Amino acid sequence: MSEPEVWLRGPVADVLPLLQPVAHSLLQSREEIARVLAGMTPEQIWHQHANAASVGFHVLHAIGSLDRLFTYARGEALSAAQRAVLVQETQPDAARVATDLLATFDAAVVRALDQLRATDETTLTTVRHVGRARLPSTVIGLLFHAAEHTQRHVGQALTTSRLMTAL
């Protein structure tokens, strides 16, 4: 029998109860990305099929958006480096192989979990602003959306990978 999904394995150590769904989602995403990338060649990772984004794009975008949304949750503006990464996410990079993408994804999840563990419960409803337009959100809203957005792109990577395994 396979292991249950992460959310059914119990609480993540040192993460606030209200943030457990965020932690579970990110850990589930990490496991799913490992399965998606397992055995994929660079050609499969970066191939764009029928006007769909590549698996590589979805992985890089999940990593980058997770970083950006958690930055906003801390109440910080994006750095020039983060804005540059946003542009680079759309560029295929055959030098980025499955093991590299997985290691980068893992590191992003570890940083996110560290931030979740350091989040003060009294700040969860604190207003935060997103982007240059400074659209309003809250700490918990940003953290939840980061997890949801990550899972969305992991799902898209999984679907696209199924198309690429035939290459």
C-alpha atoms as a PDB file:
ATOM      1  CA  MET A   1       0.000   0.000   0.000  1.00  0.00           C
ATOM      2  CA  SER A   2       1.323   3.430  -0.876  1.00  0.00           C
ATOM      3  CA  GLU A   3       1.848   6.103   1.733  1.00  0.00           C
ATOM      4  CA  PRO A   4      -1.105   8.460   2.323  1.00  0.00           C
ATOM      5  CA  GLU A   5      -0.982  12.004   1.016  1.00  0.00           C
ATOM      6  CA  VAL A   6       1.015  14.396   3.162  1.00  0.00           C
ATOM      7  CA  TRP A   7      -2.020  16.030   4.760  1.00  0.00           C
ATOM      8  CA  LEU A   8      -3.034  12.633   6.175  1.00  0.00           C
ATOM      9  CA  ARG A   9       0.354  11.953   7.788  1.00  0.00           C
ATOM     10  CA  GLY A  10      -0.105  14.327  10.698  1.00  0.00           C
ATOM     11  CA  PRO A  11       1.109  17.784  11.573  1.00  0.00           C
ATOM     12  CA  VAL A  12       4.359  19.227  10.256  1.00  0.00           C
ATOM     13  CA  ALA A  13       6.664  19.928  13.198  1.00  0.00           C
ATOM     14  CA  ASP A  14       6.790  23.484  14.520  1.00  0.00           C
ATOM     15  CA  VAL A  15       4.252  24.862  12.015  1.00  0.00           C
ATOM     16  CA  LEU A  16       1.256  26.745  13.411  1.00  0.00           C
ATOM     17  CA  PRO A  17      -2.042  24.815  13.197  1.00  0.00           C
ATOM     18  CA  LEU A  18      -3.515  27.483  10.911  1.00  0.00           C
ATOM     19  CA  LEU A  19      -0.566  27.081   8.528  1.00  0.00           C
ATOM     20  CA  GLN A  20      -0.555  23.269   8.433  1.00  0.00           C
ATOM     21  CA  PRO A  21      -2.501  23.202   5.131  1.00  0.00           C
ATOM     22  CA  VAL A  22       0.184  25.399   3.547  1.00  0.00           C
ATOM     23  CA  ALA A  23       2.983  23.138   4.802  1.00  0.00           C
ATOM     24  CA  HIS A  24       1.143  19.978   3.725  1.00  0.00           C
ATOM     25  CA  SER A  25       0.497  21.407   0.267  1.00  0.00           C
ATOM     26  CA  LEU A  26       4.126  22.360  -0.268  1.00  0.00           C
ATOM     27  CA  LEU A  27       5.413  18.978   0.920  1.00  0.00           C
ATOM     28  CA  GLN A  28       2.900  17.198  -1.327  1.00  0.00           C
ATOM     29  CA  SER A  29       4.043  19.353  -4.233  1.00  0.00           C
ATOM     30  CA  ARG A  30       7.661  18.413  -3.554  1.00  0.00           C
ATOM     31  CA  GLU A  31       6.824  14.703  -3.671  1.00  0.00           C
ATOM     32  CA  GLU A  32       4.801  15.085  -6.852  1.00  0.00           C
ATOM     33  CA  ILE A  33       7.510  17.100  -8.628  1.00  0.00           C
ATOM     34  CA  ALA A  34      10.012  14.360  -7.789  1.00  0.00           C
ATOM     35  CA  ARG A  35       7.725  11.832  -9.498  1.00  0.00           C
ATOM     36  CA  VAL A  36       7.114  14.143 -12.470  1.00  0.00           C
ATOM     37  CA  LEU A  37      10.805  14.743 -13.119  1.00  0.00           C
ATOM     38  CA  ALA A  38      11.957  11.173 -12.503  1.00  0.00           C
ATOM     39  CA  GLY A  39      13.574   9.895 -15.676  1.00  0.00           C
ATOM     40  CA  MET A  40      12.682  12.890 -17.848  1.00  0.00           C
ATOM     41  CA  THR A  41      15.281  13.963 -20.371  1.00  0.00           C
ATOM     42  CA  PRO A  42      16.107  17.654 -20.892  1.00  0.00           C
ATOM     43  CA  GLU A  43      14.313  17.422 -24.241  1.00  0.00           C
ATOM     44  CA  GLN A  44      11.142  16.229 -22.525  1.00  0.00           C
ATOM     45  CA  ILE A  45      11.432  18.789 -19.730  1.00  0.00           C
ATOM     46  CA  TRP A  46      11.744  21.756 -22.078  1.00  0.00           C
ATOM     47  CA  HIS A  47       9.542  20.629 -24.974  1.00  0.00           C
ATOM     48  CA  GLN A  48       6.459  22.780 -25.567  1.00  0.00           C
ATOM     49  CA  HIS A  49       3.550  20.649 -26.702  1.00  0.00           C
ATOM     50  CA  ALA A  50       0.655  22.145 -28.670  1.00  0.00           C
ATOM     51  CA  ASN A  51       0.964  25.674 -27.316  1.00  0.00           C
ATOM     52  CA  ALA A  52       1.263  24.435 -23.730  1.00  0.00           C
ATOM     53  CA  ALA A  53       4.066  25.555 -21.456  1.00  0.00           C
ATOM     54  CA  SER A  54       6.880  23.088 -20.853  1.00  0.00           C
ATOM     55  CA  VAL A  55       7.307  21.016 -17.710  1.00  0.00           C
ATOM     56  CA  GLY A  56      10.442  23.074 -17.054  1.00  0.00           C
ATOM     57  CA  PHE A  57       8.478  26.317 -17.148  1.00  0.00           C
ATOM     58  CA  HIS A  58       5.925  25.013 -14.642  1.00  0.00           C
ATOM     59  CA  VAL A  59       8.664  23.874 -12.256  1.00  0.00           C
ATOM     60  CA  LEU A  60      10.608  27.135 -12.516  1.00  0.00           C
ATOM     61  CA  HIS A  61       7.460  29.228 -12.208  1.00  0.00           C
ATOM     62  CA  ALA A  62       6.359  27.279  -9.118  1.00  0.00           C
ATOM     63  CA  ILE A  63       9.774  27.906  -7.549  1.00  0.00           C
ATOM     64  CA  GLY A  64       9.851  31.588  -8.464  1.00  0.00           C
ATOM     65  CA  SER A  65       6.266  32.399  -7.534  1.00  0.00           C
ATOM     66  CA  LEU A  66       6.657  30.619  -4.191  1.00  0.00           C
ATOM     67  CA  ASP A  67       9.658  32.833  -3.447  1.00  0.00           C
ATOM     68  CA  ARG A  68       7.893  36.000  -4.605  1.00  0.00           C
ATOM     69  CA  LEU A  69       4.661  35.359  -2.693  1.00  0.00           C
ATOM     70  CA  PHE A  70       6.533  34.515   0.515  1.00  0.00           C
ATOM     71  CA  THR A  71       8.538  37.725   0.041  1.00  0.00           C
ATOM     72  CA  TYR A  72       5.304  39.711  -0.063  1.00  0.00           C
ATOM     73  CA  ALA A  73       4.074  37.804   3.012  1.00  0.00           C
ATOM     74  CA  ARG A  74       7.146  39.102   4.875  1.00  0.00           C
ATOM     75  CA  GLY A  75       6.094  42.608   3.870  1.00  0.00           C
ATOM     76  CA  GLU A  76       9.039  43.058   1.517  1.00  0.00           C
ATOM     77  CA  ALA A  77       9.249  44.276  -2.060  1.00  0.00           C
ATOM     78  CA  LEU A  78      10.733  42.085  -4.772  1.00  0.00           C
ATOM     79  CA  SER A  79      14.429  42.471  -5.437  1.00  0.00           C
ATOM     80  CA  ALA A  80      15.914  43.091  -8.861  1.00  0.00           C
ATOM     81  CA  ALA A  81      17.129  39.485  -8.832  1.00  0.00           C
ATOM     82  CA  GLN A  82      13.597  38.206  -8.197  1.00  0.00           C
ATOM     83  CA  ARG A  83      12.244  40.294 -11.053  1.00  0.00           C
ATOM     84  CA  ALA A  84      14.981  38.903 -13.324  1.00  0.00           C
ATOM     85  CA  VAL A  85      14.036  35.345 -12.351  1.00  0.00           C
ATOM     86  CA  LEU A  86      10.450  36.086 -13.380  1.00  0.00           C
ATOM     87  CA  VAL A  87      11.650  36.838 -16.918  1.00  0.00           C
ATOM     88  CA  GLN A  88      13.989  33.819 -17.000  1.00  0.00           C
ATOM     89  CA  GLU A  89      11.194  31.390 -16.056  1.00  0.00           C
ATOM     90  CA  THR A  90       9.826  31.599 -19.581  1.00  0.00           C
ATOM     91  CA  GLN A  91      13.153  30.769 -21.252  1.00  0.00           C
ATOM     92  CA  PRO A  92      13.898  27.094 -21.958  1.00  0.00           C
ATOM     93  CA  ASP A  93      17.256  26.069 -20.506  1.00  0.00           C
ATOM     94  CA  ALA A  94      18.393  22.590 -21.586  1.00  0.00           C
ATOM     95  CA  ALA A  95      21.293  22.866 -19.118  1.00  0.00           C
ATOM     96  CA  ARG A  96      18.745  22.601 -16.286  1.00  0.00           C
ATOM     97  CA  VAL A  97      18.225  18.861 -15.994  1.00  0.00           C
ATOM     98  CA  ALA A  98      15.753  17.004 -13.781  1.00  0.00           C
ATOM     99  CA  THR A  99      18.115  16.647 -10.812  1.00  0.00           C
ATOM    100  CA  ASP A 100      18.930  20.376 -10.877  1.00  0.00           C
ATOM    101  CA  LEU A 101      15.271  21.386 -11.080  1.00  0.00           C
ATOM    102  CA  LEU A 102      14.340  19.009  -8.263  1.00  0.00           C
ATOM    103  CA  ALA A 103      17.158  20.295  -6.021  1.00  0.00           C
ATOM    104  CA  THR A 104      16.080  23.890  -6.686  1.00  0.00           C
ATOM    105  CA  PHE A 105      12.436  23.024  -5.970  1.00  0.00           C
ATOM    106  CA  ASP A 106      13.443  21.232  -2.748  1.00  0.00           C
ATOM    107  CA  ALA A 107      15.450  24.254  -1.599  1.00  0.00           C
ATOM    108  CA  ALA A 108      12.477  26.575  -2.263  1.00  0.00           C
ATOM    109  CA  VAL A 109      10.189  24.352  -0.181  1.00  0.00           C
ATOM    110  CA  VAL A 110      12.725  24.206   2.663  1.00  0.00           C
ATOM    111  CA  ARG A 111      12.963  28.024   2.695  1.00  0.00           C
ATOM    112  CA  ALA A 112       9.174  28.296   2.654  1.00  0.00           C
ATOM    113  CA  LEU A 113       8.813  25.833   5.542  1.00  0.00           C
ATOM    114  CA  ASP A 114      11.419  27.758   7.524  1.00  0.00           C
ATOM    115  CA  GLN A 115       9.407  30.930   6.986  1.00  0.00           C
ATOM    116  CA  LEU A 116       6.184  29.182   8.015  1.00  0.00           C
ATOM    117  CA  ARG A 117       7.857  28.016  11.221  1.00  0.00           C
ATOM    118  CA  ALA A 118       8.999  31.573  11.944  1.00  0.00           C
ATOM    119  CA  THR A 119       5.586  33.143  11.244  1.00  0.00           C
ATOM    120  CA  ASP A 120       3.969  34.750  14.268  1.00  0.00           C
ATOM    121  CA  GLU A 121       0.299  33.806  14.533  1.00  0.00           C
ATOM    122  CA  THR A 122      -0.614  37.380  15.457  1.00  0.00           C
ATOM    123  CA  THR A 123       0.549  38.561  12.002  1.00  0.00           C
ATOM    124  CA  LEU A 124      -1.660  36.262   9.916  1.00  0.00           C
ATOM    125  CA  THR A 125      -4.325  38.908   9.254  1.00  0.00           C
ATOM    126  CA  THR A 126      -1.808  41.715   8.781  1.00  0.00           C
ATOM    127  CA  VAL A 127      -2.318  43.505   5.477  1.00  0.00           C
ATOM    128  CA  ARG A 128       0.373  42.976   2.867  1.00  0.00           C
ATOM    129  CA  HIS A 129       0.615  44.470  -0.593  1.00  0.00           C
ATOM    130  CA  VAL A 130       1.316  42.594  -3.805  1.00  0.00           C
ATOM    131  CA  GLY A 131       3.236  43.878  -6.806  1.00  0.00           C
ATOM    132  CA  ARG A 132       3.836  47.327  -8.130  1.00  0.00           C
ATOM    133  CA  ALA A 133       0.096  48.009  -8.002  1.00  0.00           C
ATOM    134  CA  ARG A 134       0.242  47.206  -4.261  1.00  0.00           C
ATOM    135  CA  LEU A 135      -2.908  45.116  -4.346  1.00  0.00           C
ATOM    136  CA  PRO A 136      -4.112  44.235  -0.841  1.00  0.00           C
ATOM    137  CA  SER A 137      -3.835  40.806   0.721  1.00  0.00           C
ATOM    138  CA  THR A 138      -2.891  39.412   4.130  1.00  0.00           C
ATOM    139  CA  VAL A 139      -0.050  37.257   5.397  1.00  0.00           C
ATOM    140  CA  ILE A 140      -2.268  34.168   5.540  1.00  0.00           C
ATOM    141  CA  GLY A 141      -3.799  35.004   2.160  1.00  0.00           C
ATOM    142  CA  LEU A 142      -0.380  35.167   0.538  1.00  0.00           C
ATOM    143  CA  LEU A 143       0.853  31.987   2.209  1.00  0.00           C
ATOM    144  CA  PHE A 144      -2.272  30.079   1.224  1.00  0.00           C
ATOM    145  CA  HIS A 145      -2.168  31.387  -2.337  1.00  0.00           C
ATOM    146  CA  ALA A 146       1.522  30.466  -2.620  1.00  0.00           C
ATOM    147  CA  ALA A 147       0.686  26.871  -1.711  1.00  0.00           C
ATOM    148  CA  GLU A 148      -2.330  26.753  -4.021  1.00  0.00           C
ATOM    149  CA  HIS A 149      -0.402  28.331  -6.892  1.00  0.00           C
ATOM    150  CA  THR A 150       2.477  25.894  -6.410  1.00  0.00           C
ATOM    151  CA  GLN A 151       0.117  22.922  -6.514  1.00  0.00           C
ATOM    152  CA  ARG A 152      -1.588  24.292  -9.617  1.00  0.00           C
ATOM    153  CA  HIS A 153       1.708  24.394 -11.524  1.00  0.00           C
ATOM    154  CA  VAL A 154       2.781  21.010 -10.190  1.00  0.00           C
ATOM    155  CA  GLY A 155      -0.475  19.620 -11.583  1.00  0.00           C
ATOM    156  CA  GLN A 156       0.144  21.279 -14.921  1.00  0.00           C
ATOM    157  CA  ALA A 157       3.699  19.872 -14.962  1.00  0.00           C
ATOM    158  CA  LEU A 158       2.291  16.405 -14.268  1.00  0.00           C
ATOM    159  CA  THR A 159      -0.228  16.642 -17.088  1.00  0.00           C
ATOM    160  CA  THR A 160       2.367  17.981 -19.519  1.00  0.00           C
ATOM    161  CA  SER A 161       4.894  15.308 -18.480  1.00  0.00           C
ATOM    162  CA  ARG A 162       2.437  12.613 -19.497  1.00  0.00           C
ATOM    163  CA  LEU A 163       2.458  14.079 -22.981  1.00  0.00           C
ATOM    164  CA  MET A 164       6.271  14.273 -23.025  1.00  0.00           C
ATOM    165  CA  THR A 165       6.987  10.684 -22.023  1.00  0.00           C
ATOM    166  CA  ALA A 166       5.943   9.635 -25.504  1.00  0.00           C
ATOM    167  CA  LEU A 167       8.828  11.652 -27.031  1.00  0.00           C
END
